Amino acid sequence: MRHVYIRGIMGLIWLAAAMISGVSGNLQMSGLYIIMGGVFLYSAYTTWKKGGM
């Protein structure tokens, strides 16, 4: 159960880093951070839907 929360929080942190990177003008890293955040959030969501929570 805890790993779902941790993955969700990590996904939100990656998305926040993407927003900060985008505002500062570093669009290449912003794209990478969006992908990483999406992967973490997708992983948390699929585990949660399987009943891992």
N, C-alpha and C. Protein backbone atom coordinates (compact mmCIF):
# COMPACT_ATOMS: atom_id res chain seq x y z
N MET A 1 0.82 -1.19 0.00
CA MET A 1 0.00 0.00 0.00
C MET A 1 0.86 1.26 0.00
N ARG A 2 1.90 1.23 0.79
CA ARG A 2 2.74 2.41 0.90
C ARG A 2 3.41 2.76 -0.42
N HIS A 3 3.76 1.73 -1.21
CA HIS A 3 4.46 2.01 -2.45
C HIS A 3 3.58 2.78 -3.44
N VAL A 4 2.27 2.61 -3.35
CA VAL A 4 1.37 3.38 -4.21
C VAL A 4 1.44 4.85 -3.85
N TYR A 5 1.42 5.15 -2.56
CA TYR A 5 1.53 6.55 -2.13
C TYR A 5 2.88 7.15 -2.51
N ILE A 6 3.92 6.37 -2.33
CA ILE A 6 5.26 6.87 -2.65
C ILE A 6 5.39 7.14 -4.14
N ARG A 7 4.88 6.23 -4.97
CA ARG A 7 4.93 6.45 -6.42
C ARG A 7 4.11 7.67 -6.81
N GLY A 8 2.97 7.86 -6.20
CA GLY A 8 2.14 9.02 -6.49
C GLY A 8 2.83 10.32 -6.12
N ILE A 9 3.44 10.33 -4.95
CA ILE A 9 4.16 11.53 -4.51
C ILE A 9 5.36 11.80 -5.41
N MET A 10 6.09 10.76 -5.78
CA MET A 10 7.23 10.95 -6.67
C MET A 10 6.78 11.47 -8.04
N GLY A 11 5.65 10.99 -8.52
CA GLY A 11 5.12 11.49 -9.79
C GLY A 11 4.78 12.96 -9.71
N LEU A 12 4.19 13.38 -8.61
CA LEU A 12 3.86 14.80 -8.44
C LEU A 12 5.12 15.65 -8.33
N ILE A 13 6.15 15.12 -7.69
CA ILE A 13 7.42 15.85 -7.58
C ILE A 13 8.04 16.02 -8.96
N TRP A 14 8.01 14.96 -9.80
CA TRP A 14 8.55 15.06 -11.14
C TRP A 14 7.78 16.09 -11.96
N LEU A 15 6.45 16.12 -11.81
CA LEU A 15 5.66 17.10 -12.56
C LEU A 15 5.93 18.52 -12.08
N ALA A 16 6.15 18.70 -10.79
CA ALA A 16 6.51 20.02 -10.28
C ALA A 16 7.87 20.44 -10.83
N ALA A 17 8.80 19.51 -10.91
CA ALA A 17 10.12 19.81 -11.48
C ALA A 17 9.98 20.18 -12.95
N ALA A 18 9.04 19.55 -13.66
CA ALA A 18 8.81 19.87 -15.07
C ALA A 18 8.28 21.29 -15.21
N MET A 19 7.38 21.68 -14.33
CA MET A 19 6.85 23.04 -14.40
C MET A 19 7.94 24.07 -14.12
N ILE A 20 8.75 23.81 -13.11
CA ILE A 20 9.84 24.74 -12.77
C ILE A 20 10.85 24.81 -13.92
N SER A 21 11.14 23.66 -14.52
CA SER A 21 12.08 23.63 -15.62
C SER A 21 11.52 24.35 -16.84
N GLY A 22 10.23 24.20 -17.08
CA GLY A 22 9.60 24.88 -18.20
C GLY A 22 9.59 26.38 -18.03
N VAL A 23 9.34 26.84 -16.81
CA VAL A 23 9.34 28.28 -16.54
C VAL A 23 10.74 28.86 -16.71
N SER A 24 11.74 28.11 -16.30
CA SER A 24 13.11 28.61 -16.41
C SER A 24 13.65 28.52 -17.83
N GLY A 25 12.93 27.85 -18.73
CA GLY A 25 13.32 27.82 -20.14
C GLY A 25 14.04 26.58 -20.59
N ASN A 26 14.21 25.62 -19.72
CA ASN A 26 14.91 24.39 -20.07
C ASN A 26 13.87 23.36 -20.54
N LEU A 27 13.46 23.46 -21.81
CA LEU A 27 12.36 22.65 -22.31
C LEU A 27 12.73 21.18 -22.51
N GLN A 28 13.97 20.89 -22.80
CA GLN A 28 14.37 19.49 -22.98
C GLN A 28 14.23 18.72 -21.67
N MET A 29 14.70 19.29 -20.60
CA MET A 29 14.59 18.62 -19.30
C MET A 29 13.14 18.60 -18.84
N SER A 30 12.39 19.62 -19.19
CA SER A 30 10.98 19.66 -18.84
C SER A 30 10.24 18.48 -19.46
N GLY A 31 10.55 18.18 -20.72
CA GLY A 31 9.94 17.03 -21.38
C GLY A 31 10.29 15.72 -20.70
N LEU A 32 11.55 15.59 -20.31
CA LEU A 32 11.98 14.38 -19.60
C LEU A 32 11.25 14.24 -18.27
N TYR A 33 11.11 15.35 -17.56
CA TYR A 33 10.44 15.31 -16.26
C TYR A 33 8.95 14.98 -16.40
N ILE A 34 8.33 15.45 -17.47
CA ILE A 34 6.92 15.12 -17.70
C ILE A 34 6.77 13.62 -17.95
N ILE A 35 7.68 13.06 -18.74
CA ILE A 35 7.63 11.62 -19.00
C ILE A 35 7.84 10.84 -17.71
N MET A 36 8.82 11.23 -16.91
CA MET A 36 9.09 10.53 -15.65
C MET A 36 7.90 10.63 -14.70
N GLY A 37 7.31 11.81 -14.60
CA GLY A 37 6.13 11.97 -13.75
C GLY A 37 4.98 11.13 -14.22
N GLY A 38 4.78 11.07 -15.53
CA GLY A 38 3.71 10.25 -16.08
C GLY A 38 3.92 8.77 -15.81
N VAL A 39 5.15 8.31 -15.91
CA VAL A 39 5.45 6.90 -15.64
C VAL A 39 5.16 6.56 -14.18
N PHE A 40 5.60 7.41 -13.27
CA PHE A 40 5.35 7.16 -11.86
C PHE A 40 3.86 7.18 -11.54
N LEU A 41 3.13 8.16 -12.07
CA LEU A 41 1.71 8.25 -11.79
C LEU A 41 0.94 7.10 -12.43
N TYR A 42 1.32 6.70 -13.64
CA TYR A 42 0.67 5.57 -14.29
C TYR A 42 0.90 4.28 -13.50
N SER A 43 2.12 4.10 -13.02
CA SER A 43 2.44 2.92 -12.23
C SER A 43 1.62 2.88 -10.93
N ALA A 44 1.50 4.02 -10.28
CA ALA A 44 0.72 4.09 -9.04
C ALA A 44 -0.75 3.81 -9.33
N TYR A 45 -1.26 4.35 -10.43
CA TYR A 45 -2.67 4.18 -10.77
C TYR A 45 -2.99 2.72 -11.09
N THR A 46 -2.14 2.07 -11.89
CA THR A 46 -2.42 0.68 -12.25
C THR A 46 -2.33 -0.24 -11.04
N THR A 47 -1.39 0.02 -10.16
CA THR A 47 -1.28 -0.79 -8.94
C THR A 47 -2.50 -0.58 -8.05
N TRP A 48 -2.97 0.66 -7.96
CA TRP A 48 -4.14 0.97 -7.16
C TRP A 48 -5.39 0.30 -7.73
N LYS A 49 -5.54 0.30 -9.06
CA LYS A 49 -6.70 -0.31 -9.70
C LYS A 49 -6.69 -1.83 -9.57
N LYS A 50 -5.53 -2.45 -9.50
CA LYS A 50 -5.43 -3.90 -9.34
C LYS A 50 -5.87 -4.35 -7.97
N GLY A 51 -5.96 -3.43 -7.05
CA GLY A 51 -6.34 -3.80 -5.70
C GLY A 51 -5.15 -3.83 -4.77
N GLY A 52 -4.08 -3.23 -5.18
CA GLY A 52 -2.88 -3.19 -4.34
C GLY A 52 -3.03 -2.27 -3.17
N MET A 53 -4.13 -1.55 -3.13
CA MET A 53 -4.34 -0.61 -2.04
C MET A 53 -5.32 -1.13 -1.09
